[in-house]
Every structure is written in C-alpha cells, then in structure tokens.
C-alpha cells in the first residue's frame, strides 16, 4: 500500500524534529529515523538529513514523542 505523503522520493522519508523513542535500551531516543520502502534503515541525530538528501523530510511537532518499532 502506498503512503499518501507527498515526497521528493516517496520511497524514503526522514522523520525528525522531536524525540523519537526507538524501543532500544542502548539508544532509547534519537533525533531522526530514516524509512526506505517501509523499513527503518537508519536512526540517529539530525546529521542523517545530510546523508539522505533526496529523502522527504517529515518534521515532527516540537515537544512530541514518536515511537517506531
């Protein structure tokens, strides 16, 4: 099923702009998550924005917490 999110490259999205809960006890929160073709391919800080310049950026609302698992 295809997402309705408008994108430069709708197969790759970077979620950033809030605390993202990873459910990983070693790296509990990150600043960015990269999703490619429906799969998490990278988690980390905002430097991921530079590593994936063709990805659609989805800026989370300040103060929000998101969870990916």
Protein backbone atom coordinates (compact mmCIF):
# COMPACT_ATOMS: atom_id res chain seq x y z
CA UNK A 1 0.00 0.00 0.00
CA UNK A 2 1.39 3.40 -0.97
CA UNK A 3 1.51 6.25 1.54
CA UNK A 4 -0.37 9.48 0.84
CA UNK A 5 2.62 11.61 1.99
CA UNK A 6 3.83 13.94 -0.79
CA UNK A 7 7.53 13.34 -1.34
CA UNK A 8 10.55 14.15 -3.43
CA UNK A 9 11.28 10.44 -3.12
CA UNK A 10 8.21 8.81 -1.62
CA UNK A 11 10.13 5.59 -1.01
CA UNK A 12 12.39 7.37 1.51
CA UNK A 13 11.31 9.59 4.41
CA UNK A 14 13.30 11.12 7.29
CA UNK A 15 11.28 11.79 10.45
CA UNK A 16 12.94 14.45 12.62
CA UNK A 17 12.19 17.41 14.87
CA UNK A 18 11.20 15.66 18.08
CA UNK A 19 12.25 12.94 20.46
CA UNK A 20 11.80 9.60 18.74
CA UNK A 21 11.52 6.57 21.03
CA UNK A 22 13.33 3.60 19.49
CA UNK A 23 12.42 0.85 22.00
CA UNK A 24 16.16 0.02 22.06
CA UNK A 25 17.56 0.10 25.59
CA UNK A 26 21.02 1.14 24.33
CA UNK A 27 19.77 4.09 22.24
CA UNK A 28 16.40 4.96 23.73
CA UNK A 29 15.79 8.28 21.96
CA UNK A 30 17.06 9.60 18.62
CA UNK A 31 16.57 12.82 16.65
CA UNK A 32 15.94 11.22 13.25
CA UNK A 33 14.65 8.00 11.70
CA UNK A 34 15.05 7.12 8.02
CA UNK A 35 12.35 4.94 6.44
CA UNK A 36 13.01 3.46 2.99
CA UNK A 37 10.34 1.44 1.22
CA UNK A 38 8.56 0.86 4.53
CA UNK A 39 11.63 -0.28 6.50
CA UNK A 40 13.77 1.54 9.07
CA UNK A 41 17.23 1.88 7.52
CA UNK A 42 18.90 4.37 9.88
CA UNK A 43 18.40 6.06 13.25
CA UNK A 44 20.49 8.79 14.80
CA UNK A 45 20.90 12.54 15.02
CA UNK A 46 19.92 15.26 12.56
CA UNK A 47 23.08 14.64 10.52
CA UNK A 48 21.04 11.93 8.78
CA UNK A 49 19.36 14.77 6.87
CA UNK A 50 22.64 15.34 5.03
CA UNK A 51 23.22 11.63 4.48
CA UNK A 52 19.84 11.25 2.71
CA UNK A 53 19.43 14.48 0.68
CA UNK A 54 16.79 13.02 -1.66
CA UNK A 55 14.51 11.87 1.14
CA UNK A 56 11.24 13.57 2.02
CA UNK A 57 11.64 15.36 5.38
CA UNK A 58 8.74 14.96 7.79
CA UNK A 59 9.23 17.45 10.64
CA UNK A 60 7.59 16.27 13.86
CA UNK A 61 5.97 18.86 16.06
CA UNK A 62 8.27 20.27 18.78
CA UNK A 63 7.72 18.56 22.10
CA UNK A 64 6.23 15.46 20.54
CA UNK A 65 7.42 11.92 21.14
CA UNK A 66 7.11 9.33 18.38
CA UNK A 67 7.67 5.59 18.52
CA UNK A 68 8.94 3.29 15.76
CA UNK A 69 9.39 -0.43 16.21
